Protein backbone atom coordinates (compact mmCIF):
# COMPACT_ATOMS: atom_id res chain seq x y z
CA UNK A 1 -4.91 -33.79 4.89
CA UNK A 2 -8.44 -32.81 5.78
CA UNK A 3 -10.99 -32.80 2.98
CA UNK A 4 -12.00 -29.24 2.19
CA UNK A 5 -15.49 -28.17 1.23
CA UNK A 6 -16.58 -25.01 -0.53
CA UNK A 7 -19.87 -23.53 0.75
CA UNK A 8 -21.82 -20.34 0.53
CA UNK A 9 -21.60 -18.45 3.83
CA UNK A 10 -24.55 -19.23 6.12
CA UNK A 11 -25.68 -18.80 9.72
CA UNK A 12 -24.13 -22.17 10.58
CA UNK A 13 -20.60 -20.92 9.98
CA UNK A 14 -18.61 -19.64 12.97
CA UNK A 15 -17.89 -16.14 11.74
CA UNK A 16 -16.86 -14.88 15.19
CA UNK A 17 -14.11 -17.52 15.39
CA UNK A 18 -12.45 -16.42 12.14
CA UNK A 19 -9.22 -14.42 12.50
CA UNK A 20 -6.95 -13.63 9.58
CA UNK A 21 -4.99 -10.95 11.40
CA UNK A 22 -6.51 -8.09 9.37
CA UNK A 23 -9.25 -6.35 11.29
CA UNK A 24 -11.11 -5.06 8.21
CA UNK A 25 -11.37 -8.59 6.78
CA UNK A 26 -12.37 -10.03 10.17
CA UNK A 27 -15.05 -7.37 10.60
CA UNK A 28 -16.39 -8.01 7.11
CA UNK A 29 -16.88 -11.76 7.63
CA UNK A 30 -18.24 -11.30 11.15
CA UNK A 31 -20.65 -8.41 10.62
CA UNK A 32 -21.24 -7.60 6.97
CA UNK A 33 -20.78 -10.57 4.63
CA UNK A 34 -24.04 -12.44 5.31
CA UNK A 35 -26.15 -9.29 5.09
CA UNK A 36 -24.55 -8.30 1.76
CA UNK A 37 -25.03 -11.85 0.52
CA UNK A 38 -28.74 -11.77 1.41
CA UNK A 39 -29.08 -8.49 -0.50
CA UNK A 40 -27.34 -10.04 -3.54
CA UNK A 41 -24.59 -7.41 -3.45
CA UNK A 42 -21.63 -9.67 -2.69
CA UNK A 43 -21.39 -13.47 -2.66
CA UNK A 44 -19.16 -14.85 0.10
CA UNK A 45 -17.86 -18.39 -0.21
CA UNK A 46 -16.10 -20.19 2.63
CA UNK A 47 -13.69 -23.08 2.68
CA UNK A 48 -14.30 -25.44 5.60
CA UNK A 49 -12.98 -28.79 6.71
CA UNK A 50 -15.34 -31.73 6.20
CA UNK A 51 -14.75 -32.73 9.83
CA UNK A 52 -15.53 -29.23 11.19
CA UNK A 53 -17.95 -27.67 8.70
CA UNK A 54 -18.78 -24.66 10.88
CA UNK A 55 -15.14 -23.53 11.19
CA UNK A 56 -14.07 -21.14 8.40
CA UNK A 57 -10.55 -21.83 7.14
CA UNK A 58 -10.63 -19.23 4.36
CA UNK A 59 -13.15 -17.11 2.54
CA UNK A 60 -13.52 -15.02 -0.56
CA UNK A 61 -16.17 -12.59 -1.73
CA UNK A 62 -17.13 -11.83 -5.31
CA UNK A 63 -19.37 -9.36 -7.08
CA UNK A 64 -20.03 -8.41 -10.69
CA UNK A 65 -18.37 -5.30 -12.07
CA UNK A 66 -17.56 -3.57 -15.32
CA UNK A 67 -14.25 -2.11 -16.39
CA UNK A 68 -13.11 -0.38 -19.53
CA UNK A 69 -11.39 -2.81 -21.92
CA UNK A 70 -7.93 -3.60 -20.59
CA UNK A 71 -5.10 -2.34 -22.79
CA UNK A 72 -3.24 -4.88 -24.85
CA UNK A 73 -6.13 -7.34 -25.21
CA UNK A 74 -6.73 -7.76 -28.95
CA UNK A 75 -10.28 -9.05 -28.52
CA UNK A 76 -11.36 -5.73 -27.01
CA UNK A 77 -9.25 -3.34 -29.05
CA UNK A 78 -11.37 -0.26 -29.80
CA UNK A 79 -14.35 -1.79 -27.97
CA UNK A 80 -16.28 1.32 -26.82
CA UNK A 81 -18.14 -0.12 -23.81
CA UNK A 82 -17.19 -1.38 -20.35
CA UNK A 83 -16.62 -5.14 -20.19
CA UNK A 84 -18.37 -7.24 -17.50
CA UNK A 85 -16.04 -9.05 -15.10
CA UNK A 86 -16.25 -10.96 -11.85
CA UNK A 87 -14.51 -9.00 -9.09
CA UNK A 88 -12.89 -10.78 -6.19
CA UNK A 89 -13.60 -8.24 -3.49
CA UNK A 90 -11.93 -10.06 -0.57
CA UNK A 91 -9.80 -13.10 0.14
CA UNK A 92 -8.67 -14.09 3.65
CA UNK A 93 -7.18 -17.13 5.35
CA UNK A 94 -7.53 -17.93 9.06
CA UNK A 95 -4.28 -17.64 11.01
CA UNK A 96 -4.66 -21.26 12.15
CA UNK A 97 -3.99 -22.46 8.59
CA UNK A 98 -1.73 -19.70 7.29
CA UNK A 99 1.04 -20.97 5.05
CA UNK A 100 -0.76 -24.20 4.21
CA UNK A 101 -2.09 -23.23 0.77
CA UNK A 102 -5.61 -22.13 1.68
CA UNK A 103 -5.16 -18.73 0.03
CA UNK A 104 -4.23 -20.53 -3.16
CA UNK A 105 -7.24 -22.86 -2.81
CA UNK A 106 -9.52 -19.84 -2.38
CA UNK A 107 -8.02 -18.12 -5.42
CA UNK A 108 -8.36 -21.24 -7.59
CA UNK A 109 -11.95 -21.57 -6.40
CA UNK A 110 -12.64 -17.97 -7.43
CA UNK A 111 -11.07 -18.60 -10.83
CA UNK A 112 -13.32 -21.68 -11.17
CA UNK A 113 -16.34 -19.51 -10.35
CA UNK A 114 -15.40 -17.06 -13.12
CA UNK A 115 -14.96 -19.91 -15.60
CA UNK A 116 -18.30 -21.43 -14.58
CA UNK A 117 -20.10 -18.10 -15.01
CA UNK A 118 -18.60 -17.68 -18.48
CA UNK A 119 -19.41 -21.24 -19.55
CA UNK A 120 -22.95 -21.50 -18.24
CA UNK A 121 -24.51 -18.12 -17.58
CA UNK A 122 -23.17 -15.02 -19.28
CA UNK A 123 -20.17 -13.63 -21.08
CA UNK A 124 -17.54 -12.04 -18.86
CA UNK A 125 -14.07 -10.77 -19.59
CA UNK A 126 -12.45 -12.53 -16.67
CA UNK A 127 -11.61 -11.98 -13.03
CA UNK A 128 -10.55 -8.64 -11.53
CA UNK A 129 -8.85 -8.13 -8.18
CA UNK A 130 -7.67 -5.05 -6.31
CA UNK A 131 -4.57 -6.18 -4.43
CA UNK A 132 -4.08 -4.51 -1.04
CA UNK A 133 -0.32 -4.09 -1.55
CA UNK A 134 2.60 -5.11 -3.77
CA UNK A 135 3.08 -8.41 -1.90
CA UNK A 136 -0.52 -9.37 -2.62
CA UNK A 137 -0.14 -8.26 -6.24
CA UNK A 138 2.90 -10.56 -6.58
CA UNK A 139 0.73 -13.45 -5.32
CA UNK A 140 -1.81 -12.83 -8.10
CA UNK A 141 0.78 -12.37 -10.84
CA UNK A 142 2.07 -15.91 -10.10
CA UNK A 143 -1.27 -17.08 -11.51
CA UNK A 144 -1.09 -14.98 -14.67
CA UNK A 145 -2.95 -11.86 -13.50
CA UNK A 146 -2.05 -8.76 -15.52
CA UNK A 147 -1.77 -5.25 -14.11
CA UNK A 148 -4.38 -2.74 -15.24
CA UNK A 149 -2.91 0.40 -13.68
CA UNK A 150 0.54 1.87 -13.19
CA UNK A 151 0.70 0.98 -9.48
CA UNK A 152 0.06 -2.68 -10.35
CA UNK A 153 -2.58 -3.13 -7.64
CA UNK A 154 -5.59 -3.61 -9.92
CA UNK A 155 -5.12 -6.80 -11.88
CA UNK A 156 -7.17 -9.04 -14.13
CA UNK A 157 -7.07 -12.59 -15.40
CA UNK A 158 -8.63 -12.95 -18.87
CA UNK A 159 -11.49 -15.42 -19.06
CA UNK A 160 -9.65 -17.72 -21.46
CA UNK A 161 -6.94 -18.07 -18.79
CA UNK A 162 -9.56 -18.75 -16.10
CA UNK A 163 -11.00 -21.51 -18.26
CA UNK A 164 -7.56 -22.95 -19.10
CA UNK A 165 -6.46 -22.96 -15.45
CA UNK A 166 -9.62 -24.71 -14.33
CA UNK A 167 -9.47 -27.25 -17.15
CA UNK A 168 -6.02 -28.26 -15.85
CA UNK A 169 -6.88 -28.20 -12.12
CA UNK A 170 -8.24 -31.24 -10.27
CA UNK A 171 -11.80 -30.98 -8.96
CA UNK A 172 -12.27 -29.61 -5.46
């Protein structure tokens, strides 16, 4: 298998060649992601092959956010303020590698980012994601994400779970 590298999106990456089959996600990586990254609004990370470092195999975008304390979390019971989280705003895999685990690699990388932020920089409650549909929500629940709303599309992974998952995972 090709060695995979994680990089911050840059001009050297072939954004026009990326196609995940979802036009909104394609448009974001092609036209918006770098500009938002330069403005420090959203950080986009790409997964590339070591042998073709300009070709994007998958990407994810993250941004800070705050949410009211999730129900059922003892540590935040009766906490009156919003809790800071890392939000995974987007995750997409190129059609050329669909079904080969790159979505999972991108998710694990995002979880690692949340754990790193909590360990080294600032306290956060975990990782939040807004799933686009029930199928996507099922993908996240396999990794321990917990629903925040009745429709089950907004989910979170508590920071202690992010840390535990990354402690068990091999380095990328």
